[in-house]
Amino acid sequence: MRRLGRILVAFLAVSGLVFLGLIGLGSWAAIHMAGGDGAEVPERVVLGLDLDARFRDTAEGNPLAELAGERSYGLRRTVEAIDRAAADKRVTGLFATLGHSSLGLAGRQDLRDAVTRFRASGKPAVLFAETMGEGGSGTLDYYLATAFSQVWLQPSGDVGLTGLWVESPFIKGTLDLLGIKAQFSGRHEYKSAIDMFTETGFTPAHRENLGRLLDSWSEQIVAGIVAGRGLPEARVRELMGQGPFLAAEALAARLVDRVGYRDQALETVVGTGPDKAEEMDLAEYAASLDHPGGARVALISGVGAIHRGESHRGLDGEGDFGAKTVAEAFCDAVDDDKVKAILFRIDSPGGSYTASDTVHHEVARARAAGKPVVVSMGDYAASGGYFVAMGADRIIAAPGTITGSIGVFTGKVVLEEFWKKLGISWDEMHRGDNAGIWSANRAFSPQAKARIDALLDHIYADFTGKAADARRMDAAKMDKLARGRIWTGADAKDSGLVDGLGGWAEALAQVRQVAGIKAEDPVTLVEFPRPRKPWEILAESLGGGGVAERRILARLQPLLDVLSPAPGVQLRAPELRGPR
């Protein structure tokens, strides 16, 4: 009976926690899904922005983390709120804190542009940093900081303007020691996603490509610092890579305006005495804004690795790019007579060729149905991420977006010698010469290798042909831009792979152009598919593994892919998440 009582108490406790969690999730839903129901905005207010918080590219966040008090922002809504605040007479300034931002280069550029527009209204934008680096690179953080009209640094802090650095692991030596043979093929020499398995260092083509990426990113960062700080370009180039700078050194070099503490920096923007402005978090301000009607524009997001089937996203808000989910969203947007255009947000390194082609087809169908499509690229729109974008009416990338990588690869690892080292033997039977083509227990036969090469050649021709048609280029020029090469958004604009540079604001401006919506007319973005309810997120998370489990699997996935690769061809860029 005592054991039964303990079991009953435990059951009731768990049930109570689930019940309270669902109540909390419902409250979260009420707050986050009802526009214009946030806190009342004071008559004089300074907006606070925590740049160390997590920024989400999609609307869905982590409801349990937010219930626990973890702060996060949606990038689009943050940019929109800053733009609205510039014209809001109640808002007297913007105050941001920064240590190390989770944003990629493209996201930082989007925020920089919004802060620059806010400053153009004549209102102060002050940034305080305890440090920008502290044992790591602070180059991108400092680049973001220079958008503000005044930069404060704590006396104990430093400015880690150390330059840019990319590095890549190569595990061929480890595979050789284990008796594992990597058999991968790509199209063509710049398709470097497979190099970590087949090389011991950068190939000349890989080194050339990464060198140009670093040069382009450096040019953008230097130009941003020059514009933000008013320093000569030669002086910025001299300082670039010489950090970290102590607080006094940063002040002397005019990298920062003041050395002090947060309360001192905040006082300069909120003021003192009876006229002191109140402080309000920008997320609360964004929730308080009304969203007038107007032209209805569908917002469809394709974030993460592209695969067949439905998208999945758990409680942590991180997800993937399921072609079925995205394709259905396009179909629903086309069927909605009120939708005037589609804004397709992409942040993806690529993935399945077949899945990418499915979405590409739906983009073409939407345009044929009279629904213009504008693509907005985040940190990554490469390989399959570019495949799904290239058929749009307009493609807008951030200057730092990793894009292109028009190419393909496939392959497998052969574990025959590895099994021998472990004393494991295999036997097999087959019907059909290529029945075991994807078996990890034997190498590709000459006949199988010929089929693999034919498949890769066909897919590369299909990719480059569709890209050439979409971008109105001849095949020879497209081949020079393709071959698996990755570009920054700025270089992609110069070569004609994208149409314009900018973030959310520029993408919306392009939507107005292609849809014939006047600049003064309101636009309402409607998410397709509809945002899921918190209990749906909870059910998916409980059914598909916990947050911690999926994060661990995500870290182990490259190794798991080596030992048990999924058969098929991939349109995927190398694992490079921007400069640091």
Protein backbone atom coordinates (compact mmCIF):
# COMPACT_ATOMS: atom_id res chain seq x y z
CA MET A 1 0.00 0.00 0.00
CA ARG A 2 2.86 2.37 0.85
CA ARG A 3 4.41 1.79 -2.60
CA LEU A 4 1.01 2.29 -4.24
CA GLY A 5 0.62 5.57 -2.33
CA ARG A 6 4.01 6.80 -3.52
CA ILE A 7 3.11 5.92 -7.10
CA LEU A 8 -0.20 7.78 -6.77
CA VAL A 9 1.52 10.85 -5.31
CA ALA A 10 4.11 10.80 -8.11
CA PHE A 11 1.38 10.47 -10.74
CA LEU A 12 -0.56 13.40 -9.28
CA ALA A 13 2.62 15.51 -9.08
CA VAL A 14 3.50 14.84 -12.71
CA SER A 15 -0.09 15.48 -13.78
CA GLY A 16 -0.06 18.74 -11.86
CA LEU A 17 3.17 19.83 -13.49
CA VAL A 18 1.80 19.02 -16.93
CA PHE A 19 -1.42 20.87 -16.12
CA LEU A 20 0.47 23.94 -14.89
CA GLY A 21 2.73 23.74 -17.91
CA LEU A 22 -0.24 23.71 -20.26
CA ILE A 23 -1.76 26.69 -18.41
CA GLY A 24 1.55 28.49 -18.76
CA LEU A 25 1.78 27.60 -22.43
CA GLY A 26 -1.75 28.89 -22.92
CA SER A 27 -0.78 32.15 -21.26
CA TRP A 28 2.28 32.32 -23.46
CA ALA A 29 0.10 31.79 -26.50
CA ALA A 30 -2.30 34.54 -25.45
CA ILE A 31 0.57 36.98 -25.08
CA HIS A 32 2.47 36.04 -28.23
CA MET A 33 -0.31 35.36 -30.69
CA ALA A 34 -2.52 38.35 -30.09
CA GLY A 35 -1.04 41.45 -31.69
CA GLY A 36 -1.30 44.79 -29.95
CA ASP A 37 -2.01 43.38 -26.48
CA GLY A 38 1.31 44.21 -24.84
CA ALA A 39 2.04 46.59 -21.99
CA GLU A 40 1.01 50.22 -22.27
CA VAL A 41 3.77 52.46 -23.61
CA PRO A 42 4.68 55.41 -21.30
CA GLU A 43 4.59 58.97 -22.63
CA ARG A 44 8.40 59.16 -22.48
CA VAL A 45 10.19 55.88 -22.96
CA VAL A 46 13.63 54.57 -23.84
CA LEU A 47 13.59 51.17 -25.50
CA GLY A 48 15.98 48.56 -24.12
CA LEU A 49 17.51 45.88 -26.33
CA ASP A 50 19.57 42.99 -24.97
CA LEU A 51 21.83 41.98 -27.84
CA ASP A 52 23.15 39.02 -25.84
CA ALA A 53 19.69 37.42 -25.93
CA ARG A 54 18.75 34.79 -28.44
CA PHE A 55 17.41 36.06 -31.76
CA ARG A 56 15.00 33.87 -33.71
CA ASP A 57 14.57 34.04 -37.46
CA THR A 58 11.06 32.61 -37.26
CA ALA A 59 8.18 33.66 -35.04
CA GLU A 60 8.10 30.47 -33.01
CA GLY A 61 10.17 30.65 -29.86
CA ASN A 62 10.83 28.44 -26.88
CA PRO A 63 7.71 28.74 -24.69
CA LEU A 64 9.15 26.95 -21.66
CA ALA A 65 12.31 29.05 -21.75
CA GLU A 66 10.26 32.23 -21.97
CA LEU A 67 8.07 31.11 -19.07
CA ALA A 68 11.32 30.66 -17.12
CA GLY A 69 12.26 34.25 -17.91
CA GLU A 70 14.71 33.62 -20.74
CA ARG A 71 14.66 36.64 -23.03
CA SER A 72 14.54 36.24 -26.79
CA TYR A 73 13.62 38.34 -29.80
CA GLY A 74 12.28 37.70 -33.26
CA LEU A 75 14.62 39.42 -35.72
CA ARG A 76 11.87 40.60 -38.07
CA ARG A 77 9.72 42.00 -35.28
CA THR A 78 12.75 43.69 -33.72
CA VAL A 79 13.60 45.44 -36.98
CA GLU A 80 9.96 46.44 -37.46
CA ALA A 81 9.74 47.77 -33.87
CA ILE A 82 12.89 49.88 -34.24
CA ASP A 83 11.53 51.37 -37.46
CA ARG A 84 8.17 52.10 -35.83
CA ALA A 85 9.94 53.61 -32.81
CA ALA A 86 11.82 56.07 -35.01
CA ALA A 87 8.52 57.80 -35.83
CA ASP A 88 6.90 57.28 -32.40
CA LYS A 89 6.93 60.52 -30.39
CA ARG A 90 6.74 58.57 -27.13
CA VAL A 91 10.11 56.93 -27.80
CA THR A 92 13.01 59.23 -26.90
CA GLY A 93 15.92 56.85 -27.44
CA LEU A 94 17.31 53.34 -27.77
CA PHE A 95 19.61 51.70 -25.23
CA ALA A 96 21.28 48.37 -26.01
CA THR A 97 23.59 46.10 -24.05
CA LEU A 98 26.09 43.82 -25.73
CA GLY A 99 28.67 41.22 -24.78
CA HIS A 100 28.49 38.52 -27.42
CA SER A 101 25.57 38.34 -29.82
CA SER A 102 24.23 35.05 -31.15
CA LEU A 103 23.31 36.70 -34.44
CA GLY A 104 25.14 35.77 -37.61
CA LEU A 105 26.67 38.38 -39.88
CA ALA A 106 23.50 38.80 -41.96
CA GLY A 107 21.35 39.30 -38.86
CA ARG A 108 23.78 41.86 -37.48
CA GLN A 109 23.67 43.74 -40.76
CA ASP A 110 19.87 43.80 -40.65
CA LEU A 111 19.97 45.22 -37.11
CA ARG A 112 22.70 47.70 -38.03
CA ASP A 113 20.54 49.05 -40.85
CA ALA A 114 17.55 49.42 -38.50
CA VAL A 115 19.62 51.26 -35.88
CA THR A 116 21.04 53.54 -38.59
CA ARG A 117 17.52 54.42 -39.72
CA PHE A 118 16.54 55.07 -36.08
CA ARG A 119 19.49 57.44 -35.66
CA ALA A 120 18.42 59.31 -38.80
CA SER A 121 15.28 60.35 -36.90
CA GLY A 122 17.51 62.42 -34.59
CA LYS A 123 17.04 60.16 -31.55
CA PRO A 124 20.04 58.81 -29.62
CA ALA A 125 21.01 55.17 -29.83
CA VAL A 126 23.42 54.24 -27.04
CA LEU A 127 25.20 50.92 -26.63
CA PHE A 128 26.87 49.65 -23.46
CA ALA A 129 29.22 46.65 -23.43
CA GLU A 130 30.83 45.05 -20.43
CA THR A 131 33.28 43.65 -22.95
CA MET A 132 33.46 42.75 -26.62
CA GLY A 133 35.64 39.70 -26.67
CA GLU A 134 36.99 38.57 -23.29
CA GLY A 135 39.02 35.62 -24.47
CA GLY A 136 37.34 35.34 -27.87
CA SER A 137 36.91 37.31 -31.04
CA GLY A 138 34.84 40.46 -30.67
CA THR A 139 35.15 41.63 -34.28
CA LEU A 140 31.53 41.00 -35.27
CA ASP A 141 30.24 42.32 -31.95
CA TYR A 142 32.20 45.53 -32.42
CA TYR A 143 30.93 45.79 -35.99
CA LEU A 144 27.36 45.65 -34.63
CA ALA A 145 28.19 48.18 -31.90
CA THR A 146 29.40 50.79 -34.37
CA ALA A 147 25.87 51.30 -35.69
CA PHE A 148 25.05 53.16 -32.46
CA SER A 149 25.58 56.88 -31.96
CA GLN A 150 27.47 56.36 -28.70
CA VAL A 151 29.45 53.30 -27.54
CA TRP A 152 30.29 52.73 -23.86
CA LEU A 153 32.76 50.14 -22.56
CA GLN A 154 33.17 48.98 -18.98
CA PRO A 155 36.65 49.84 -17.55
CA SER A 156 37.44 46.13 -17.10
CA GLY A 157 36.34 45.26 -20.62
CA ASP A 158 38.17 45.04 -23.94
CA VAL A 159 37.43 45.38 -27.64
CA GLY A 160 38.41 42.12 -29.32
CA LEU A 161 38.92 43.55 -32.80
CA THR A 162 41.07 40.56 -33.73
CA GLY A 163 40.01 40.12 -37.35
CA LEU A 164 38.26 37.19 -39.05
CA TRP A 165 39.04 33.51 -38.75
CA VAL A 166 37.63 30.37 -40.39
CA GLU A 167 38.80 26.86 -39.73
CA SER A 168 37.67 23.41 -40.78
CA PRO A 169 38.38 19.91 -39.44
CA PHE A 170 39.66 17.19 -41.76
CA ILE A 171 39.16 13.63 -40.56
CA LYS A 172 40.69 11.64 -43.41
CA GLY A 173 43.64 10.69 -41.19
CA THR A 174 41.30 9.35 -38.52
CA LEU A 175 39.31 7.40 -41.09
CA ASP A 176 42.54 5.92 -42.47
CA LEU A 177 43.58 4.81 -38.96
CA LEU A 178 40.20 3.15 -38.48
CA GLY A 179 40.26 1.46 -41.85
CA ILE A 180 37.35 3.55 -43.14
CA LYS A 181 37.46 4.63 -46.77
CA ALA A 182 35.47 7.69 -47.86
CA GLN A 183 34.07 7.46 -51.38
CA PHE A 184 32.52 10.82 -52.24
CA SER A 185 32.14 12.63 -55.54
CA GLY A 186 31.03 16.20 -56.20
CA ARG A 187 30.36 18.70 -58.97
CA HIS A 188 32.73 20.44 -59.07
CA GLU A 189 36.09 21.53 -57.61
CA TYR A 190 34.58 24.13 -55.21
CA LYS A 191 32.02 21.69 -53.76
CA SER A 192 34.03 21.44 -50.57
CA ALA A 193 31.43 19.97 -48.20
CA ILE A 194 33.01 16.54 -48.82
CA ASP A 195 36.62 17.66 -48.33
CA MET A 196 36.64 16.99 -44.58
CA PHE A 197 36.32 13.28 -45.39
CA THR A 198 38.61 13.06 -48.42
CA GLU A 199 41.38 15.62 -47.77
CA THR A 200 43.84 16.47 -45.01
CA GLY A 201 43.67 20.23 -45.56
CA PHE A 202 42.27 22.93 -47.84
CA THR A 203 42.52 22.15 -51.54
CA PRO A 204 43.65 25.06 -53.76
CA ALA A 205 40.03 25.63 -54.86
CA HIS A 206 38.74 25.48 -51.27
CA ARG A 207 41.44 27.91 -50.11
CA GLU A 208 40.70 30.28 -52.99
CA ASN A 209 36.98 30.28 -52.21
CA LEU A 210 37.42 30.84 -48.47
CA GLY A 211 39.97 33.57 -49.16
CA ARG A 212 37.47 35.52 -51.23
CA LEU A 213 34.80 35.07 -48.57
CA LEU A 214 37.13 36.48 -45.91
CA ASP A 215 38.10 39.38 -48.17
CA SER A 216 34.47 40.26 -48.87
CA TRP A 217 33.45 40.01 -45.22
CA SER A 218 36.45 42.12 -44.20
CA GLU A 219 35.56 44.80 -46.74
CA GLN A 220 32.02 44.97 -45.36
CA ILE A 221 33.13 45.14 -41.73
CA VAL A 222 35.75 47.81 -42.41
CA ALA A 223 33.22 49.89 -44.36
CA GLY A 224 30.71 49.59 -41.50
CA ILE A 225 33.21 50.68 -38.87
CA VAL A 226 34.35 53.60 -41.04
CA ALA A 227 30.75 54.76 -41.49
CA GLY A 228 29.80 54.26 -37.85
CA ARG A 229 32.87 55.71 -36.16
CA GLY A 230 33.92 58.32 -38.71
CA LEU A 231 37.49 57.01 -38.77
CA PRO A 232 39.68 57.01 -41.90
CA GLU A 233 39.57 53.72 -43.77
CA ALA A 234 43.34 53.33 -43.59
CA ARG A 235 43.19 53.70 -39.80
CA VAL A 236 40.44 51.08 -39.47
CA ARG A 237 42.40 48.64 -41.62
CA GLU A 238 45.41 49.27 -39.40
CA LEU A 239 43.42 48.57 -36.23
CA MET A 240 41.61 45.56 -37.71
CA GLY A 241 43.24 42.45 -36.34
CA GLN A 242 45.41 44.24 -33.76
CA GLY A 243 43.09 43.63 -30.82
CA PRO A 244 42.13 42.92 -28.18
CA PHE A 245 42.32 46.54 -27.02
CA LEU A 246 42.13 47.43 -23.35
CA ALA A 247 39.43 49.95 -22.44
CA ALA A 248 41.89 52.86 -22.26
CA GLU A 249 43.45 51.84 -25.58
CA ALA A 250 40.04 51.55 -27.25
CA LEU A 251 39.12 55.02 -25.99
CA ALA A 252 42.39 56.52 -27.22
CA ALA A 253 41.90 54.89 -30.64
CA ARG A 254 38.33 56.32 -30.80
CA LEU A 255 36.88 52.84 -31.02
CA VAL A 256 34.56 53.74 -28.13
CA ASP A 257 33.18 57.06 -26.88
CA ARG A 258 33.10 56.57 -23.11
CA VAL A 259 34.49 54.22 -20.47
CA GLY A 260 32.11 53.59 -17.59
CA TYR A 261 29.40 51.37 -16.20
CA ARG A 262 25.89 50.47 -17.33
CA ASP A 263 24.07 52.83 -14.96
CA GLN A 264 26.21 55.74 -16.14
CA ALA A 265 25.58 54.92 -19.81
CA LEU A 266 21.83 54.48 -19.25
CA GLU A 267 21.60 57.86 -17.51
CA THR A 268 22.83 59.62 -20.66
CA VAL A 269 19.81 58.42 -22.61
CA VAL A 270 16.99 58.29 -20.03
CA GLY A 271 18.03 61.51 -18.28
CA THR A 272 17.58 62.43 -14.61
CA GLY A 273 15.04 64.20 -12.43
CA PRO A 274 11.31 64.53 -13.01
CA ASP A 275 11.68 64.42 -16.80
CA LYS A 276 13.48 61.09 -16.67
CA ALA A 277 12.20 58.68 -19.33
CA GLU A 278 11.01 55.20 -18.39
CA GLU A 279 12.77 52.11 -19.70
CA MET A 280 10.86 49.46 -21.65
CA ASP A 281 12.12 46.26 -23.28
CA LEU A 282 11.83 46.38 -27.04
CA ALA A 283 9.98 43.04 -27.14
CA GLU A 284 7.25 44.49 -24.91
CA TYR A 285 7.09 47.56 -27.11
CA ALA A 286 6.78 45.38 -30.21
CA ALA A 287 3.89 43.46 -28.58
CA SER A 288 2.09 46.75 -27.89
CA LEU A 289 2.10 47.90 -31.50
CA ASP A 290 -1.09 47.71 -33.49
CA HIS A 291 -1.00 45.95 -36.82
CA PRO A 292 -3.44 47.66 -39.15
CA GLY A 293 -5.00 45.76 -42.01
CA GLY A 294 -4.08 46.34 -45.59
CA ALA A 295 -2.61 44.20 -48.30
CA ARG A 296 -2.21 40.61 -47.15
CA VAL A 297 1.25 39.11 -47.82
CA ALA A 298 2.06 35.48 -47.02
CA LEU A 299 5.23 34.90 -45.00
CA ILE A 300 6.75 31.46 -45.54
CA SER A 301 9.93 30.41 -43.76
CA GLY A 302 12.43 27.80 -44.89
CA VAL A 303 14.96 27.51 -42.07
CA GLY A 304 17.48 24.72 -41.55
CA ALA A 305 18.55 21.66 -43.51
CA ILE A 306 16.22 20.77 -46.39
CA HIS A 307 14.68 17.29 -46.37
CA ARG A 308 11.65 15.49 -47.70
CA GLY A 309 8.55 15.34 -45.52
CA GLU A 310 7.29 17.65 -42.81
CA SER A 311 9.21 20.28 -40.87
CA HIS A 312 9.93 19.54 -37.23
CA ARG A 313 10.48 22.00 -34.41
CA GLY A 314 10.51 21.35 -30.68
CA LEU A 315 10.38 23.42 -27.53
CA ASP A 316 13.76 25.01 -28.16
CA GLY A 317 12.42 26.72 -31.28
CA GLU A 318 15.11 25.18 -33.47
CA GLY A 319 13.83 23.36 -36.50
CA ASP A 320 14.46 22.15 -39.99
CA PHE A 321 13.17 22.67 -43.51
CA GLY A 322 10.64 20.01 -44.49
CA ALA A 323 9.77 20.30 -48.18
CA LYS A 324 6.26 18.96 -47.70
CA THR A 325 5.44 21.58 -45.07
CA VAL A 326 6.86 24.45 -47.12
CA ALA A 327 5.25 23.23 -50.36
CA GLU A 328 1.85 23.02 -48.65
CA ALA A 329 2.33 26.53 -47.30
CA PHE A 330 2.83 27.79 -50.86
CA CYS A 331 -0.29 25.94 -52.02
CA ASP A 332 -2.36 27.45 -49.20
CA ALA A 333 -1.04 30.93 -49.93
CA VAL A 334 -1.92 30.54 -53.62
CA ASP A 335 -5.43 29.36 -52.75
CA ASP A 336 -6.01 32.32 -50.43
CA ASP A 337 -7.62 34.99 -52.61
CA LYS A 338 -6.65 37.71 -50.12
CA VAL A 339 -2.91 37.03 -50.46
CA LYS A 340 -1.35 39.53 -52.86
CA ALA A 341 2.25 38.27 -52.74
CA ILE A 342 4.56 35.83 -50.94
CA LEU A 343 7.64 36.71 -48.90
CA PHE A 344 9.85 33.60 -48.69
CA ARG A 345 12.45 33.80 -45.90
CA ILE A 346 15.34 31.35 -46.39
CA ASP A 347 18.13 30.50 -43.96
CA SER A 348 19.45 27.14 -45.08
CA PRO A 349 22.74 25.47 -46.07
CA GLY A 350 20.83 23.13 -48.40
CA GLY A 351 20.07 19.43 -48.27
CA SER A 352 18.12 16.98 -50.40
CA TYR A 353 18.06 17.62 -54.15
CA THR A 354 14.60 16.08 -54.55
CA ALA A 355 13.16 18.08 -51.66
CA SER A 356 14.71 21.29 -53.00
CA ASP A 357 13.21 20.66 -56.43
CA THR A 358 9.77 20.15 -54.84
CA VAL A 359 9.87 23.62 -53.30
CA HIS A 360 11.36 25.18 -56.45
CA HIS A 361 8.36 23.86 -58.36
CA GLU A 362 5.91 25.40 -55.88
CA VAL A 363 7.62 28.79 -56.23
CA ALA A 364 7.09 28.56 -60.00
CA ARG A 365 3.43 27.52 -59.53
CA ALA A 366 2.81 30.47 -57.23
CA ARG A 367 4.19 32.91 -59.77
CA ALA A 368 2.17 31.29 -62.56
CA ALA A 369 -0.95 31.74 -60.40
CA GLY A 370 -0.30 35.47 -60.20
CA LYS A 371 1.26 35.51 -56.71
CA PRO A 372 4.67 37.22 -56.99
CA VAL A 373 7.41 35.78 -54.77
CA VAL A 374 10.21 37.72 -53.09
CA VAL A 375 13.01 35.85 -51.32
CA SER A 376 14.75 37.26 -48.25
CA MET A 377 18.00 35.47 -47.42
CA GLY A 378 19.35 35.14 -43.88
CA ASP A 379 22.84 33.98 -42.90
CA TYR A 380 22.75 31.07 -45.33
CA ALA A 381 21.01 30.45 -48.66
CA ALA A 382 23.43 28.02 -50.24
CA SER A 383 23.22 25.00 -52.49
CA GLY A 384 19.67 23.64 -51.95
CA GLY A 385 18.94 26.93 -50.17
CA TYR A 386 19.77 28.75 -53.39
CA PHE A 387 17.92 26.15 -55.49
CA VAL A 388 14.61 26.94 -53.76
CA ALA A 389 15.25 30.69 -54.08
CA MET A 390 16.44 31.11 -57.64
CA GLY A 391 13.00 31.02 -59.29
CA ALA A 392 11.57 33.96 -57.32
CA ASP A 393 10.64 37.34 -58.83
CA ARG A 394 13.22 39.07 -56.63
CA ILE A 395 16.03 37.74 -54.44
CA ILE A 396 17.30 39.94 -51.61
CA ALA A 397 20.40 38.92 -49.65
CA ALA A 398 22.31 40.55 -46.84
CA PRO A 399 25.82 41.60 -47.90
CA GLY A 400 27.21 38.87 -45.64
CA THR A 401 24.81 36.07 -46.64
CA ILE A 402 26.56 32.85 -47.70
CA THR A 403 24.91 32.04 -51.00
CA GLY A 404 25.46 30.13 -54.23
CA SER A 405 27.23 26.77 -53.90
CA ILE A 406 25.52 25.65 -57.09
CA GLY A 407 26.68 22.06 -57.20
CA VAL A 408 26.01 18.56 -55.89
CA PHE A 409 27.73 15.69 -54.11
CA THR A 410 27.03 12.17 -53.00
CA GLY A 411 28.93 9.17 -51.72
CA LYS A 412 29.41 6.79 -48.84
CA VAL A 413 32.02 5.40 -46.47
CA VAL A 414 33.31 1.88 -46.89
CA LEU A 415 33.71 0.00 -43.59
CA GLU A 416 35.10 -3.28 -44.94
CA GLU A 417 38.56 -2.91 -43.33
CA PHE A 418 37.07 -1.33 -40.21
CA TRP A 419 34.94 -4.41 -39.54
CA LYS A 420 38.02 -6.62 -39.92
CA LYS A 421 39.78 -4.61 -37.18
CA LEU A 422 36.82 -5.36 -34.90
CA GLY A 423 36.69 -9.04 -35.84
CA ILE A 424 33.27 -8.63 -37.45
CA SER A 425 32.47 -10.39 -40.72
CA TRP A 426 29.53 -9.85 -43.04
CA ASP A 427 27.93 -12.01 -45.69
CA GLU A 428 25.35 -11.00 -48.25
CA MET A 429 23.04 -12.13 -51.03
CA HIS A 430 21.62 -9.96 -53.77
CA ARG A 431 19.48 -9.88 -56.87
CA GLY A 432 20.57 -7.16 -59.26
CA ASP A 433 24.10 -5.92 -59.94
CA ASN A 434 23.55 -2.59 -58.16
CA ALA A 435 21.39 -3.88 -55.30
CA GLY A 436 24.18 -3.13 -52.82
CA ILE A 437 25.25 0.16 -54.35
CA TRP A 438 24.81 2.03 -51.04
CA SER A 439 26.15 -0.73 -48.82
CA ALA A 440 28.92 0.46 -46.50
CA ASN A 441 30.52 -2.97 -46.66
CA ARG A 442 31.97 -2.71 -50.13
CA ALA A 443 33.32 -0.05 -52.47
CA PHE A 444 31.49 1.17 -55.55
CA SER A 445 31.98 -1.19 -58.45
CA PRO A 446 33.00 0.38 -61.80
CA GLN A 447 29.41 -0.11 -62.97
CA ALA A 448 28.02 1.55 -59.84
CA LYS A 449 30.53 4.41 -60.08
CA ALA A 450 29.40 5.05 -63.65
CA ARG A 451 25.78 5.35 -62.47
CA ILE A 452 26.82 7.73 -59.67
CA ASP A 453 28.70 9.94 -62.14
CA ALA A 454 25.73 9.97 -64.51
CA LEU A 455 23.45 10.98 -61.63
CA LEU A 456 25.76 13.80 -60.51
CA ASP A 457 26.16 15.11 -64.06
CA HIS A 458 22.40 15.11 -64.57
CA ILE A 459 21.69 16.96 -61.33
CA TYR A 460 24.42 19.52 -61.91
CA ALA A 461 23.06 20.17 -65.41
CA ASP A 462 19.52 20.49 -64.01
CA PHE A 463 20.65 22.89 -61.24
CA THR A 464 22.76 25.12 -63.48
CA GLY A 465 20.18 25.03 -66.28
CA LYS A 466 17.35 26.17 -64.03
CA ALA A 467 19.62 28.78 -62.42
CA ALA A 468 20.67 30.12 -65.84
CA ASP A 469 17.02 30.38 -66.96
CA ALA A 470 15.95 32.06 -63.72
CA ARG A 471 18.82 34.56 -63.71
CA ARG A 472 18.74 35.09 -67.48
CA MET A 473 22.35 34.04 -68.04
CA ASP A 474 24.00 31.91 -70.69
CA ALA A 475 25.18 28.47 -69.62
CA ALA A 476 28.90 29.29 -69.79
CA LYS A 477 28.61 32.27 -67.44
CA MET A 478 26.48 30.31 -65.00
CA ASP A 479 28.98 27.46 -64.96
CA LYS A 480 31.74 29.91 -63.93
CA LEU A 481 29.58 31.13 -61.03
CA ALA A 482 28.58 27.60 -60.08
CA ARG A 483 30.91 24.58 -59.72
CA GLY A 484 30.03 24.45 -56.01
CA ARG A 485 31.44 27.90 -55.26
CA ILE A 486 30.02 29.91 -52.35
CA TRP A 487 29.72 33.70 -52.43
CA THR A 488 28.86 36.48 -50.04
CA GLY A 489 25.62 38.28 -50.78
CA ALA A 490 27.61 41.33 -51.92
CA ASP A 491 29.58 39.30 -54.47
CA ALA A 492 26.43 37.44 -55.51
CA LYS A 493 24.79 40.80 -56.26
CA ASP A 494 27.74 41.87 -58.41
CA SER A 495 27.60 38.60 -60.37
CA GLY A 496 23.82 38.63 -60.85
CA LEU A 497 22.91 35.71 -58.59
CA VAL A 498 20.73 37.98 -56.43
CA ASP A 499 18.84 41.18 -57.20
CA GLY A 500 19.45 43.41 -54.20
CA LEU A 501 21.08 43.77 -50.79
CA GLY A 502 19.35 44.29 -47.48
CA GLY A 503 17.28 42.67 -44.78
CA TRP A 504 13.62 42.53 -43.84
CA ALA A 505 12.90 46.18 -44.66
CA GLU A 506 14.35 45.91 -48.17
CA ALA A 507 12.53 42.64 -48.81
CA LEU A 508 9.21 44.26 -47.87
CA ALA A 509 9.99 47.19 -50.15
CA GLN A 510 10.52 44.72 -53.00
CA VAL A 511 7.25 42.95 -52.14
CA ARG A 512 5.44 46.27 -52.53
CA GLN A 513 7.07 46.79 -55.94
CA VAL A 514 6.26 43.40 -57.42
CA ALA A 515 2.73 43.37 -55.96
CA GLY A 516 1.92 46.97 -56.91
CA ILE A 517 1.30 48.04 -53.30
CA LYS A 518 1.81 51.74 -52.64
CA ALA A 519 4.49 52.76 -50.14
CA GLU A 520 1.94 54.50 -47.91
CA ASP A 521 -0.49 51.56 -47.83
CA PRO A 522 -0.28 49.16 -44.86
CA VAL A 523 0.87 45.57 -45.34
CA THR A 524 -0.03 42.64 -43.09
CA LEU A 525 2.31 39.64 -43.02
CA VAL A 526 0.44 36.39 -42.44
CA GLU A 527 2.45 33.29 -41.61
CA PHE A 528 1.92 30.14 -43.67
CA PRO A 529 1.51 27.57 -42.27
CA ARG A 530 -0.16 29.07 -39.21
CA PRO A 531 2.00 29.28 -36.09
CA ARG A 532 1.51 26.18 -33.98
CA LYS A 533 -0.13 26.26 -30.60
CA PRO A 534 2.17 25.75 -27.61
CA TRP A 535 0.54 22.41 -26.78
CA GLU A 536 1.27 21.25 -30.32
CA ILE A 537 4.92 22.17 -29.83
CA LEU A 538 4.88 20.30 -26.51
CA ALA A 539 3.32 17.20 -28.06
CA GLU A 540 5.85 17.14 -30.88
CA SER A 541 8.74 17.59 -28.49
CA LEU A 542 7.56 14.79 -26.20
CA GLY A 543 6.94 12.53 -29.16
CA GLY A 544 10.21 13.18 -30.95
CA GLY A 545 12.79 13.29 -28.19
CA GLY A 546 13.70 15.97 -25.72
CA VAL A 547 15.46 19.24 -26.41
CA ALA A 548 18.73 18.08 -24.87
CA GLU A 549 18.61 14.80 -26.80
CA ARG A 550 18.09 16.53 -30.13
CA ARG A 551 20.87 19.04 -29.43
CA ILE A 552 23.29 16.21 -28.68
CA LEU A 553 22.24 14.39 -31.86
CA ALA A 554 22.74 17.59 -33.85
CA ARG A 555 26.33 17.81 -32.59
CA LEU A 556 26.98 14.14 -33.35
CA GLN A 557 25.24 14.14 -36.74
CA PRO A 558 28.39 14.73 -38.86
CA LEU A 559 30.03 11.67 -37.28
CA LEU A 560 26.84 9.64 -37.58
CA ASP A 561 26.61 10.64 -41.24
CA VAL A 562 30.11 9.28 -41.80
CA LEU A 563 29.38 5.92 -40.18
CA SER A 564 25.88 5.56 -41.64
CA PRO A 565 25.32 8.06 -44.48
CA ALA A 566 21.87 8.43 -45.92
CA PRO A 567 21.82 7.31 -49.54
CA GLY A 568 21.08 9.95 -52.09
CA VAL A 569 22.49 13.17 -53.45
CA GLN A 570 22.89 16.38 -51.51
CA LEU A 571 22.80 20.05 -52.47
CA ARG A 572 24.58 21.24 -49.34
CA ALA A 573 27.19 23.87 -48.58
CA PRO A 574 30.15 23.24 -46.26
CA GLU A 575 29.55 23.73 -42.54
CA LEU A 576 30.54 27.39 -42.35
CA ARG A 577 28.29 29.63 -40.30
CA GLY A 578 29.89 32.93 -41.17
CA PRO A 579 33.00 34.67 -39.91
CA ARG A 580 34.23 34.88 -36.33
